[in-house]
Amino acid sequence: MPNPKIDLTHRYRYVPSDFVKHLGMTTLVIAVLAVVLSAVFREPVRPALKISTIATKTPVLFEKVAMGDLTGTGQIATYGPPYNSSQGNVQSPMQNIVGVIHPVNPKVDFVLTPLKMAASLNPAVGTALHTWDAAPASRQTAWADRYQAALAHARVVGGQVVVPAGAYGPVPTMMRGLLELGRSGLMTGALNRSPADYQFDNMYGLLFIQGAPLHNAASRLELLGNQWGIIHEENAPYPGPWWMTIVTAIYQIPFVAHASSGDAMALTIGMLLFLVLMFAPWIPGINRLPRHLGVYRLIWKNYYHDHDDPKPGGEASP
């Protein structure tokens, strides 16, 4: 009677085989299938979300984002490390320990500096900037706060954002210039400016549209956490990256979902799960689960049916 502890490959005859040939043929077949299937079924990928699209289709939202940067109340202005010392999005002590490693000043980097570039093409913007710079900080704050509040009642007339009359100083002209810069497609270049010959850092352009622009776009594609989230393909009726299910499941745990530090908690739990799985063979108790669960007996049930069926940990019959 065969003994299951003996390597089964000893009972088979070995024959020569060209491993490189098999590997090459397998790679070729998979490559052809990938190309053919992608051409037939396609991938429902939408065009990238651009600043010019936001400025053209939702000019009021564009100005609200810019005013948040100008007044220091925007998404990034109040974010905290690694961009600034605010505490709006601090989720763990580790975030403060890391500190500000990518300093960003939204007022200057996202609004005033692009406007200075636009001033070379539009003299009215240069005049408005001069008035702004010459005013004391208290007056700048008053102008910006009034205009930001007025945007709640703004209308779009002839492509321009119109707000109720008020004492806004040069802010309307500045926002009009920034809106024109955004619509022209030059805003991205003004944000992602670099002295290098080639530009690879798109951080400022991405940070500018954080908040409402990205959330609105994600909502239309059913990508928000309270919708399908990251396991949903864009506008597709079928699931996307199913391997992210574990990550999204962690966010559905009540104490994680309703916590202000949800991201940090989900990351910590995911890392702990990863470590448990990685070191499972050496963790007492967990490393004995396969033997006690007996899943291997279901996988090898045909083999055990045809041979002796020793108990777990026992010896086969001679």
C-alpha atoms as a PDB file:
ATOM      1  CA  MET A   1       0.000   0.000   0.000  1.00  0.00           C
ATOM      2  CA  PRO A   2       1.481   3.413  -0.955  1.00  0.00           C
ATOM      3  CA  ASN A   3       2.492   5.647   1.865  1.00  0.00           C
ATOM      4  CA  PRO A   4       1.151   9.254   1.567  1.00  0.00           C
ATOM      5  CA  LYS A   5       4.311  10.545   3.235  1.00  0.00           C
ATOM      6  CA  ILE A   6       6.376   9.507   0.213  1.00  0.00           C
ATOM      7  CA  ASP A   7       6.860  12.198  -2.440  1.00  0.00           C
ATOM      8  CA  LEU A   8       4.371  11.323  -5.163  1.00  0.00           C
ATOM      9  CA  THR A   9       6.689  12.580  -7.910  1.00  0.00           C
ATOM     10  CA  HIS A  10       8.814   9.475  -7.367  1.00  0.00           C
ATOM     11  CA  ARG A  11       6.148   7.463  -9.159  1.00  0.00           C
ATOM     12  CA  TYR A  12       6.279   9.474 -12.379  1.00  0.00           C
ATOM     13  CA  ARG A  13       8.646   9.162 -15.308  1.00  0.00           C
ATOM     14  CA  TYR A  14      10.695  12.273 -16.027  1.00  0.00           C
ATOM     15  CA  VAL A  15      10.871  13.518 -19.639  1.00  0.00           C
ATOM     16  CA  PRO A  16      12.962  16.336 -21.153  1.00  0.00           C
ATOM     17  CA  SER A  17      11.200  19.708 -21.411  1.00  0.00           C
ATOM     18  CA  ASP A  18      12.165  23.086 -22.822  1.00  0.00           C
ATOM     19  CA  PHE A  19      11.201  25.445 -20.019  1.00  0.00           C
ATOM     20  CA  VAL A  20      12.178  28.584 -21.935  1.00  0.00           C
ATOM     21  CA  LYS A  21       9.975  27.570 -24.860  1.00  0.00           C
ATOM     22  CA  HIS A  22       6.982  26.948 -22.601  1.00  0.00           C
ATOM     23  CA  LEU A  23       7.528  30.236 -20.785  1.00  0.00           C
ATOM     24  CA  GLY A  24       7.772  32.140 -24.060  1.00  0.00           C
ATOM     25  CA  MET A  25       4.652  30.530 -25.519  1.00  0.00           C
ATOM     26  CA  THR A  26       2.671  31.157 -22.327  1.00  0.00           C
ATOM     27  CA  THR A  27       3.728  34.810 -22.268  1.00  0.00           C
ATOM     28  CA  LEU A  28       2.764  35.214 -25.933  1.00  0.00           C
ATOM     29  CA  VAL A  29      -0.656  33.628 -25.442  1.00  0.00           C
ATOM     30  CA  ILE A  30      -1.420  35.812 -22.408  1.00  0.00           C
ATOM     31  CA  ALA A  31      -0.259  38.955 -24.236  1.00  0.00           C
ATOM     32  CA  VAL A  32      -2.487  38.191 -27.242  1.00  0.00           C
ATOM     33  CA  LEU A  33      -5.468  37.452 -25.005  1.00  0.00           C
ATOM     34  CA  ALA A  34      -4.932  40.676 -23.046  1.00  0.00           C
ATOM     35  CA  VAL A  35      -4.824  42.778 -26.225  1.00  0.00           C
ATOM     36  CA  VAL A  36      -7.833  41.068 -27.837  1.00  0.00           C
ATOM     37  CA  LEU A  37      -9.998  41.136 -24.705  1.00  0.00           C
ATOM     38  CA  SER A  38      -9.155  44.765 -23.936  1.00  0.00           C
ATOM     39  CA  ALA A  39     -10.052  45.729 -27.525  1.00  0.00           C
ATOM     40  CA  VAL A  40     -13.381  43.884 -27.310  1.00  0.00           C
ATOM     41  CA  PHE A  41     -14.529  44.779 -23.804  1.00  0.00           C
ATOM     42  CA  ARG A  42     -12.562  48.028 -23.313  1.00  0.00           C
ATOM     43  CA  GLU A  43     -12.112  49.811 -20.007  1.00  0.00           C
ATOM     44  CA  PRO A  44     -14.623  52.541 -19.047  1.00  0.00           C
ATOM     45  CA  VAL A  45     -11.969  55.123 -18.217  1.00  0.00           C
ATOM     46  CA  ARG A  46     -13.118  58.720 -18.303  1.00  0.00           C
ATOM     47  CA  PRO A  47     -10.950  61.702 -19.275  1.00  0.00           C
ATOM     48  CA  ALA A  48      -8.875  63.197 -16.474  1.00  0.00           C
ATOM     49  CA  LEU A  49     -10.460  65.901 -14.337  1.00  0.00           C
ATOM     50  CA  LYS A  50      -8.820  69.162 -15.399  1.00  0.00           C
ATOM     51  CA  ILE A  51      -8.773  72.591 -13.838  1.00  0.00           C
ATOM     52  CA  SER A  52      -9.896  74.046 -17.171  1.00  0.00           C
ATOM     53  CA  THR A  53     -12.989  71.799 -17.096  1.00  0.00           C
ATOM     54  CA  ILE A  54     -13.905  72.949 -13.590  1.00  0.00           C
ATOM     55  CA  ALA A  55     -13.422  76.614 -14.508  1.00  0.00           C
ATOM     56  CA  THR A  56     -15.498  76.264 -17.676  1.00  0.00           C
ATOM     57  CA  LYS A  57     -18.390  74.130 -16.441  1.00  0.00           C
ATOM     58  CA  THR A  58     -18.615  75.257 -12.795  1.00  0.00           C
ATOM     59  CA  PRO A  59     -17.138  78.774 -12.576  1.00  0.00           C
ATOM     60  CA  VAL A  60     -18.797  79.515  -9.222  1.00  0.00           C
ATOM     61  CA  LEU A  61     -17.258  76.392  -7.696  1.00  0.00           C
ATOM     62  CA  PHE A  62     -13.885  77.363  -9.153  1.00  0.00           C
ATOM     63  CA  GLU A  63     -14.059  80.791  -7.488  1.00  0.00           C
ATOM     64  CA  LYS A  64     -15.212  79.256  -4.199  1.00  0.00           C
ATOM     65  CA  VAL A  65     -12.146  77.014  -4.199  1.00  0.00           C
ATOM     66  CA  ALA A  66      -9.873  79.962  -5.003  1.00  0.00           C
ATOM     67  CA  MET A  67     -11.455  82.130  -2.302  1.00  0.00           C
ATOM     68  CA  GLY A  68     -10.967  79.343   0.239  1.00  0.00           C
ATOM     69  CA  ASP A  69      -7.278  79.487  -0.595  1.00  0.00           C
ATOM     70  CA  LEU A  70      -7.201  83.283  -0.427  1.00  0.00           C
ATOM     71  CA  THR A  71      -8.958  83.468   2.953  1.00  0.00           C
ATOM     72  CA  GLY A  72      -7.156  80.485   4.473  1.00  0.00           C
ATOM     73  CA  THR A  73     -10.366  78.471   4.964  1.00  0.00           C
ATOM     74  CA  GLY A  74      -9.946  76.036   2.084  1.00  0.00           C
ATOM     75  CA  GLN A  75      -9.299  72.308   2.091  1.00  0.00           C
ATOM     76  CA  ILE A  76      -5.498  72.502   1.984  1.00  0.00           C
ATOM     77  CA  ALA A  77      -5.153  75.734   3.978  1.00  0.00           C
ATOM     78  CA  THR A  78      -6.689  73.967   6.997  1.00  0.00           C
ATOM     79  CA  TYR A  79      -5.327  70.487   6.275  1.00  0.00           C
ATOM     80  CA  GLY A  80      -2.296  70.296   8.536  1.00  0.00           C
ATOM     81  CA  PRO A  81       0.884  68.235   8.108  1.00  0.00           C
ATOM     82  CA  PRO A  82       2.559  67.556   5.770  1.00  0.00           C
ATOM     83  CA  TYR A  83       1.461  70.851   4.117  1.00  0.00           C
ATOM     84  CA  ASN A  84       1.108  73.302   7.008  1.00  0.00           C
ATOM     85  CA  SER A  85       0.776  73.511  10.772  1.00  0.00           C
ATOM     86  CA  SER A  86      -3.036  73.579  10.882  1.00  0.00           C
ATOM     87  CA  GLN A  87      -4.940  70.766  12.589  1.00  0.00           C
ATOM     88  CA  GLY A  88      -7.952  70.342  10.296  1.00  0.00           C
ATOM     89  CA  ASN A  89      -7.032  66.872   9.059  1.00  0.00           C
ATOM     90  CA  VAL A  90      -4.672  65.593  11.741  1.00  0.00           C
ATOM     91  CA  GLN A  91      -5.641  61.980  12.450  1.00  0.00           C
ATOM     92  CA  SER A  92      -2.780  60.698  14.552  1.00  0.00           C
ATOM     93  CA  PRO A  93       0.189  61.937  16.596  1.00  0.00           C
ATOM     94  CA  MET A  94       2.445  60.445  13.936  1.00  0.00           C
ATOM     95  CA  GLN A  95       1.191  63.054  11.464  1.00  0.00           C
ATOM     96  CA  ASN A  96       2.401  65.848  13.736  1.00  0.00           C
ATOM     97  CA  ILE A  97       5.670  64.045  14.401  1.00  0.00           C
ATOM     98  CA  VAL A  98       6.389  63.850  10.661  1.00  0.00           C
ATOM     99  CA  GLY A  99       5.706  67.579  10.454  1.00  0.00           C
ATOM    100  CA  VAL A 100       5.520  69.906   7.475  1.00  0.00           C
ATOM    101  CA  ILE A 101       7.666  68.242   4.842  1.00  0.00           C
ATOM    102  CA  HIS A 102       5.835  69.691   1.809  1.00  0.00           C
ATOM    103  CA  PRO A 103       5.135  73.308   2.811  1.00  0.00           C
ATOM    104  CA  VAL A 104       2.239  74.831   0.878  1.00  0.00           C
ATOM    105  CA  ASN A 105       0.885  78.379   1.209  1.00  0.00           C
ATOM    106  CA  PRO A 106      -2.418  78.231  -0.732  1.00  0.00           C
ATOM    107  CA  LYS A 107      -2.928  81.996  -0.661  1.00  0.00           C
ATOM    108  CA  VAL A 108       0.398  82.632  -2.373  1.00  0.00           C
ATOM    109  CA  ASP A 109       0.958  79.393  -4.274  1.00  0.00           C
ATOM    110  CA  PHE A 110      -2.585  78.875  -5.591  1.00  0.00           C
ATOM    111  CA  VAL A 111      -3.861  82.438  -6.064  1.00  0.00           C
ATOM    112  CA  LEU A 112      -1.415  85.335  -5.910  1.00  0.00           C
ATOM    113  CA  THR A 113       1.491  83.770  -7.825  1.00  0.00           C
ATOM    114  CA  PRO A 114      -0.682  82.534 -10.742  1.00  0.00           C
ATOM    115  CA  LEU A 115      -2.314  85.978 -10.845  1.00  0.00           C
ATOM    116  CA  LYS A 116       1.089  87.630 -11.131  1.00  0.00           C
ATOM    117  CA  MET A 117       1.723  85.443 -14.166  1.00  0.00           C
ATOM    118  CA  ALA A 118      -1.680  86.352 -15.597  1.00  0.00           C
ATOM    119  CA  ALA A 119      -0.947  90.052 -15.060  1.00  0.00           C
ATOM    120  CA  SER A 120       1.556  89.954 -17.922  1.00  0.00           C
ATOM    121  CA  LEU A 121      -1.361  89.121 -20.255  1.00  0.00           C
ATOM    122  CA  ASN A 122      -4.086  91.190 -18.588  1.00  0.00           C
ATOM    123  CA  PRO A 123      -3.109  94.658 -17.248  1.00  0.00           C
ATOM    124  CA  ALA A 124      -6.350  94.869 -15.247  1.00  0.00           C
ATOM    125  CA  VAL A 125      -5.173  91.943 -13.135  1.00  0.00           C
ATOM    126  CA  GLY A 126      -1.879  93.709 -12.476  1.00  0.00           C
ATOM    127  CA  THR A 127      -3.725  96.827 -11.292  1.00  0.00           C
ATOM    128  CA  ALA A 128      -5.947  94.747  -9.000  1.00  0.00           C
ATOM    129  CA  LEU A 129      -2.925  92.992  -7.530  1.00  0.00           C
ATOM    130  CA  HIS A 130      -1.207  96.318  -6.892  1.00  0.00           C
ATOM    131  CA  THR A 131      -4.294  97.552  -5.017  1.00  0.00           C
ATOM    132  CA  TRP A 132      -4.394  94.329  -3.019  1.00  0.00           C
ATOM    133  CA  ASP A 133      -0.726  94.457  -2.085  1.00  0.00           C
ATOM    134  CA  ALA A 134      -0.955  98.113  -1.058  1.00  0.00           C
ATOM    135  CA  ALA A 135      -3.872  97.531   1.320  1.00  0.00           C
ATOM    136  CA  PRO A 136      -3.332  96.603   4.986  1.00  0.00           C
ATOM    137  CA  ALA A 137      -4.006  93.007   6.015  1.00  0.00           C
ATOM    138  CA  SER A 138      -7.224  93.925   7.832  1.00  0.00           C
ATOM    139  CA  ARG A 139      -8.687  95.462   4.674  1.00  0.00           C
ATOM    140  CA  GLN A 140      -7.589  92.493   2.561  1.00  0.00           C
ATOM    141  CA  THR A 141      -9.370  90.176   4.983  1.00  0.00           C
ATOM    142  CA  ALA A 142     -12.544  92.277   4.902  1.00  0.00           C
ATOM    143  CA  TRP A 143     -12.629  92.319   1.072  1.00  0.00           C
ATOM    144  CA  ALA A 144     -12.010  88.584   0.817  1.00  0.00           C
ATOM    145  CA  ASP A 145     -14.513  87.633   3.526  1.00  0.00           C
ATOM    146  CA  ARG A 146     -17.272  89.732   1.934  1.00  0.00           C
ATOM    147  CA  TYR A 147     -16.674  88.307  -1.531  1.00  0.00           C
ATOM    148  CA  GLN A 148     -16.490  84.744  -0.221  1.00  0.00           C
ATOM    149  CA  ALA A 149     -19.851  85.194   1.527  1.00  0.00           C
ATOM    150  CA  ALA A 150     -21.344  86.767  -1.598  1.00  0.00           C
ATOM    151  CA  LEU A 151     -20.438  83.706  -3.686  1.00  0.00           C
ATOM    152  CA  ALA A 152     -23.270  81.862  -1.918  1.00  0.00           C
ATOM    153  CA  HIS A 153     -25.646  84.072  -3.948  1.00  0.00           C
ATOM    154  CA  ALA A 154     -23.606  84.177  -7.157  1.00  0.00           C
ATOM    155  CA  ARG A 155     -25.025  83.761 -10.658  1.00  0.00           C
ATOM    156  CA  VAL A 156     -23.336  83.033 -13.956  1.00  0.00           C
ATOM    157  CA  VAL A 157     -24.167  85.658 -16.569  1.00  0.00           C
ATOM    158  CA  GLY A 158     -22.499  85.499 -19.963  1.00  0.00           C
ATOM    159  CA  GLY A 159     -19.912  83.111 -18.593  1.00  0.00           C
ATOM    160  CA  GLN A 160     -18.946  85.503 -15.799  1.00  0.00           C
ATOM    161  CA  VAL A 161     -19.612  85.080 -12.084  1.00  0.00           C
ATOM    162  CA  VAL A 162     -21.861  87.877 -10.831  1.00  0.00           C
ATOM    163  CA  VAL A 163     -22.344  88.521  -7.098  1.00  0.00           C
ATOM    164  CA  PRO A 164     -24.548  91.048  -5.274  1.00  0.00           C
ATOM    165  CA  ALA A 165     -23.087  94.532  -5.080  1.00  0.00           C
ATOM    166  CA  GLY A 166     -20.704  95.093  -2.203  1.00  0.00           C
ATOM    167  CA  ALA A 167     -17.391  96.503  -1.045  1.00  0.00           C
ATOM    168  CA  TYR A 168     -15.069  93.811  -2.381  1.00  0.00           C
ATOM    169  CA  GLY A 169     -12.139  95.998  -3.440  1.00  0.00           C
ATOM    170  CA  PRO A 170     -10.011  94.382  -6.190  1.00  0.00           C
ATOM    171  CA  VAL A 171     -11.134  90.823  -5.359  1.00  0.00           C
ATOM    172  CA  PRO A 172     -13.752  90.512  -8.179  1.00  0.00           C
ATOM    173  CA  THR A 173     -11.147  91.526 -10.751  1.00  0.00           C
ATOM    174  CA  MET A 174      -8.632  89.116  -9.282  1.00  0.00           C
ATOM    175  CA  MET A 175     -11.131  86.238  -9.359  1.00  0.00           C
ATOM    176  CA  ARG A 176     -12.149  87.123 -12.901  1.00  0.00           C
ATOM    177  CA  GLY A 177      -8.512  86.997 -13.966  1.00  0.00           C
ATOM    178  CA  LEU A 178      -7.974  83.686 -12.196  1.00  0.00           C
ATOM    179  CA  LEU A 179     -11.110  82.254 -13.815  1.00  0.00           C
ATOM    180  CA  GLU A 180      -9.883  83.293 -17.261  1.00  0.00           C
ATOM    181  CA  LEU A 181      -6.527  81.697 -16.488  1.00  0.00           C
ATOM    182  CA  GLY A 182      -8.280  78.508 -15.459  1.00  0.00           C
ATOM    183  CA  ARG A 183     -10.468  78.368 -18.571  1.00  0.00           C
ATOM    184  CA  SER A 184      -7.504  78.927 -20.858  1.00  0.00           C
ATOM    185  CA  GLY A 185      -5.787  75.794 -19.576  1.00  0.00           C
ATOM    186  CA  LEU A 186      -2.799  77.812 -18.337  1.00  0.00           C
ATOM    187  CA  MET A 187      -3.721  77.497 -14.662  1.00  0.00           C
ATOM    188  CA  THR A 188      -2.204  74.025 -14.404  1.00  0.00           C
ATOM    189  CA  GLY A 189       1.118  75.297 -15.712  1.00  0.00           C
ATOM    190  CA  ALA A 190       0.970  78.311 -13.402  1.00  0.00           C
ATOM    191  CA  LEU A 191       0.463  75.998 -10.419  1.00  0.00           C
ATOM    192  CA  ASN A 192       2.918  73.262 -11.368  1.00  0.00           C
ATOM    193  CA  ARG A 193       5.689  75.707 -12.055  1.00  0.00           C
ATOM    194  CA  SER A 194       9.247  74.451 -11.937  1.00  0.00           C
ATOM    195  CA  PRO A 195      12.661  75.856 -12.839  1.00  0.00           C
ATOM    196  CA  ALA A 196      13.597  72.459 -14.268  1.00  0.00           C
ATOM    197  CA  ASP A 197      13.464  71.707 -17.987  1.00  0.00           C
ATOM    198  CA  TYR A 198      10.958  68.910 -17.435  1.00  0.00           C
ATOM    199  CA  GLN A 199       8.043  69.045 -15.007  1.00  0.00           C
ATOM    200  CA  PHE A 200       7.226  65.885 -13.061  1.00  0.00           C
ATOM    201  CA  ASP A 201       5.799  67.362  -9.853  1.00  0.00           C
ATOM    202  CA  ASN A 202       2.023  67.909 -10.221  1.00  0.00           C
ATOM    203  CA  MET A 203       1.366  68.372  -6.509  1.00  0.00           C
ATOM    204  CA  TYR A 204       0.056  71.954  -6.619  1.00  0.00           C
ATOM    205  CA  GLY A 205      -2.330  71.236  -9.484  1.00  0.00           C
ATOM    206  CA  LEU A 206      -3.776  68.244  -7.637  1.00  0.00           C
ATOM    207  CA  LEU A 207      -4.025  70.036  -4.300  1.00  0.00           C
ATOM    208  CA  PHE A 208      -5.880  72.975  -5.868  1.00  0.00           C
ATOM    209  CA  ILE A 209      -8.873  70.784  -6.805  1.00  0.00           C
ATOM    210  CA  GLN A 210      -9.012  68.954  -3.460  1.00  0.00           C
ATOM    211  CA  GLY A 211     -12.350  69.117  -1.724  1.00  0.00           C
ATOM    212  CA  ALA A 212     -15.584  69.879  -3.558  1.00  0.00           C
ATOM    213  CA  PRO A 213     -14.305  69.506  -7.165  1.00  0.00           C
ATOM    214  CA  LEU A 214     -12.962  65.993  -6.587  1.00  0.00           C
ATOM    215  CA  HIS A 215     -15.878  64.937  -4.383  1.00  0.00           C
ATOM    216  CA  ASN A 216     -18.434  66.125  -6.934  1.00  0.00           C
ATOM    217  CA  ALA A 217     -16.656  64.236  -9.708  1.00  0.00           C
ATOM    218  CA  ALA A 218     -16.405  61.091  -7.571  1.00  0.00           C
ATOM    219  CA  SER A 219     -20.084  61.310  -6.612  1.00  0.00           C
ATOM    220  CA  ARG A 220     -21.193  61.292 -10.253  1.00  0.00           C
ATOM    221  CA  LEU A 221     -19.099  58.156 -10.815  1.00  0.00           C
ATOM    222  CA  GLU A 222     -20.421  56.440  -7.657  1.00  0.00           C
ATOM    223  CA  LEU A 223     -16.929  56.342  -6.178  1.00  0.00           C
ATOM    224  CA  LEU A 224     -17.654  57.871  -2.767  1.00  0.00           C
ATOM    225  CA  GLY A 225     -17.233  55.752   0.337  1.00  0.00           C
ATOM    226  CA  ASN A 226     -20.992  55.713   1.003  1.00  0.00           C
ATOM    227  CA  GLN A 227     -21.550  54.531  -2.572  1.00  0.00           C
ATOM    228  CA  TRP A 228     -19.469  51.803  -4.219  1.00  0.00           C
ATOM    229  CA  GLY A 229     -16.217  53.421  -3.239  1.00  0.00           C
ATOM    230  CA  ILE A 230     -12.868  52.265  -4.580  1.00  0.00           C
ATOM    231  CA  ILE A 231     -14.160  48.824  -5.588  1.00  0.00           C
ATOM    232  CA  HIS A 232     -16.344  50.303  -8.343  1.00  0.00           C
ATOM    233  CA  GLU A 233     -15.351  50.847 -11.950  1.00  0.00           C
ATOM    234  CA  GLU A 234     -16.227  54.257 -13.374  1.00  0.00           C
ATOM    235  CA  ASN A 235     -19.859  54.190 -14.562  1.00  0.00           C
ATOM    236  CA  ALA A 236     -19.675  50.419 -15.016  1.00  0.00           C
ATOM    237  CA  PRO A 237     -22.338  47.944 -13.804  1.00  0.00           C
ATOM    238  CA  TYR A 238     -19.758  45.522 -12.448  1.00  0.00           C
ATOM    239  CA  PRO A 239     -17.258  45.587  -9.575  1.00  0.00           C
ATOM    240  CA  GLY A 240     -13.746  46.853 -10.149  1.00  0.00           C
ATOM    241  CA  PRO A 241     -10.677  46.044  -8.042  1.00  0.00           C
ATOM    242  CA  TRP A 242     -12.226  43.339  -5.856  1.00  0.00           C
ATOM    243  CA  TRP A 243      -8.936  42.899  -3.974  1.00  0.00           C
ATOM    244  CA  MET A 244      -9.661  46.222  -2.256  1.00  0.00           C
ATOM    245  CA  THR A 245     -12.767  44.754  -0.603  1.00  0.00           C
ATOM    246  CA  ILE A 246     -10.887  44.126   2.640  1.00  0.00           C
ATOM    247  CA  VAL A 247      -9.804  47.768   2.772  1.00  0.00           C
ATOM    248  CA  THR A 248     -13.324  49.079   2.181  1.00  0.00           C
ATOM    249  CA  ALA A 249     -14.734  46.574   4.690  1.00  0.00           C
ATOM    250  CA  ILE A 250     -12.542  48.097   7.403  1.00  0.00           C
ATOM    251  CA  TYR A 251     -14.094  51.506   6.703  1.00  0.00           C
ATOM    252  CA  GLN A 252     -17.563  50.026   7.306  1.00  0.00           C
ATOM    253  CA  ILE A 253     -16.739  49.147  10.914  1.00  0.00           C
ATOM    254  CA  PRO A 254     -18.836  51.651  12.922  1.00  0.00           C
ATOM    255  CA  PHE A 255     -16.076  52.932  15.209  1.00  0.00           C
ATOM    256  CA  VAL A 256     -13.863  53.480  12.146  1.00  0.00           C
ATOM    257  CA  ALA A 257     -16.546  54.935   9.878  1.00  0.00           C
ATOM    258  CA  HIS A 258     -17.584  57.606  12.404  1.00  0.00           C
ATOM    259  CA  ALA A 259     -14.122  58.469  13.729  1.00  0.00           C
ATOM    260  CA  SER A 260     -12.307  61.656  12.811  1.00  0.00           C
ATOM    261  CA  SER A 261      -9.159  59.543  12.473  1.00  0.00           C
ATOM    262  CA  GLY A 262     -10.805  56.959  10.204  1.00  0.00           C
ATOM    263  CA  ASP A 263      -7.983  56.841   7.657  1.00  0.00           C
ATOM    264  CA  ALA A 264      -5.308  56.342  10.305  1.00  0.00           C
ATOM    265  CA  MET A 265      -7.365  53.650  12.041  1.00  0.00           C
ATOM    266  CA  ALA A 266      -8.081  51.807   8.790  1.00  0.00           C
ATOM    267  CA  LEU A 267      -4.411  51.915   7.824  1.00  0.00           C
ATOM    268  CA  THR A 268      -3.366  50.598  11.243  1.00  0.00           C
ATOM    269  CA  ILE A 269      -5.897  47.750  11.187  1.00  0.00           C
ATOM    270  CA  GLY A 270      -4.917  46.834   7.632  1.00  0.00           C
ATOM    271  CA  MET A 271      -1.230  46.774   8.595  1.00  0.00           C
ATOM    272  CA  LEU A 272      -1.948  44.555  11.610  1.00  0.00           C
ATOM    273  CA  LEU A 273      -3.913  42.118   9.422  1.00  0.00           C
ATOM    274  CA  PHE A 274      -1.040  42.054   6.951  1.00  0.00           C
ATOM    275  CA  LEU A 275       1.475  41.295   9.704  1.00  0.00           C
ATOM    276  CA  VAL A 276      -0.723  38.527  11.136  1.00  0.00           C
ATOM    277  CA  LEU A 277      -1.024  36.888   7.718  1.00  0.00           C
ATOM    278  CA  MET A 278       2.681  37.278   7.007  1.00  0.00           C
ATOM    279  CA  PHE A 279       3.811  35.775  10.321  1.00  0.00           C
ATOM    280  CA  ALA A 280       0.946  33.264  10.673  1.00  0.00           C
ATOM    281  CA  PRO A 281       3.265  30.209  10.366  1.00  0.00           C
ATOM    282  CA  TRP A 282       5.156  31.383  13.488  1.00  0.00           C
ATOM    283  CA  ILE A 283       2.272  32.640  15.656  1.00  0.00           C
ATOM    284  CA  PRO A 284       1.299  30.015  18.267  1.00  0.00           C
ATOM    285  CA  GLY A 285      -2.300  28.914  17.880  1.00  0.00           C
ATOM    286  CA  ILE A 286      -2.803  30.475  14.467  1.00  0.00           C
ATOM    287  CA  ASN A 287      -0.197  28.198  12.912  1.00  0.00           C
ATOM    288  CA  ARG A 288      -2.245  25.185  14.150  1.00  0.00           C
ATOM    289  CA  LEU A 289      -5.512  26.309  12.554  1.00  0.00           C
ATOM    290  CA  PRO A 290      -4.978  24.511   9.206  1.00  0.00           C
ATOM    291  CA  ARG A 291      -4.555  21.201  11.007  1.00  0.00           C
ATOM    292  CA  HIS A 292      -7.665  21.683  13.160  1.00  0.00           C
ATOM    293  CA  LEU A 293      -9.887  23.155  10.438  1.00  0.00           C
ATOM    294  CA  GLY A 294      -9.129  20.251   8.110  1.00  0.00           C
ATOM    295  CA  VAL A 295      -9.595  22.220   4.883  1.00  0.00           C
ATOM    296  CA  TYR A 296      -6.763  20.237   3.372  1.00  0.00           C
ATOM    297  CA  ARG A 297      -8.890  17.100   3.688  1.00  0.00           C
ATOM    298  CA  LEU A 298     -11.522  18.621   1.381  1.00  0.00           C
ATOM    299  CA  ILE A 299      -8.899  19.535  -1.174  1.00  0.00           C
ATOM    300  CA  TRP A 300      -7.292  16.075  -1.087  1.00  0.00           C
ATOM    301  CA  LYS A 301     -10.466  14.062  -0.470  1.00  0.00           C
ATOM    302  CA  ASN A 302     -10.079  12.029  -3.676  1.00  0.00           C
ATOM    303  CA  TYR A 303      -6.547  11.106  -2.719  1.00  0.00           C
ATOM    304  CA  TYR A 304      -7.562  10.047   0.780  1.00  0.00           C
ATOM    305  CA  HIS A 305     -10.477   8.096  -0.680  1.00  0.00           C
ATOM    306  CA  ASP A 306      -8.128   6.004  -2.824  1.00  0.00           C
ATOM    307  CA  HIS A 307      -5.470   5.569  -0.143  1.00  0.00           C
ATOM    308  CA  ASP A 308      -5.305   5.104   3.547  1.00  0.00           C
ATOM    309  CA  ASP A 309      -7.057   7.895   5.442  1.00  0.00           C
ATOM    310  CA  PRO A 310      -4.818   8.625   8.415  1.00  0.00           C
ATOM    311  CA  LYS A 311      -6.042  10.963  11.107  1.00  0.00           C
ATOM    312  CA  PRO A 312      -4.401  14.373  11.300  1.00  0.00           C
ATOM    313  CA  GLY A 313      -0.974  13.873  12.851  1.00  0.00           C
ATOM    314  CA  GLY A 314      -1.219  10.092  12.598  1.00  0.00           C
ATOM    315  CA  GLU A 315       0.737   7.626  10.528  1.00  0.00           C
ATOM    316  CA  ALA A 316      -0.451   5.893   7.397  1.00  0.00           C
ATOM    317  CA  SER A 317      -1.013   2.162   7.465  1.00  0.00           C
ATOM    318  CA  PRO A 318       1.981   0.162   6.235  1.00  0.00           C
END
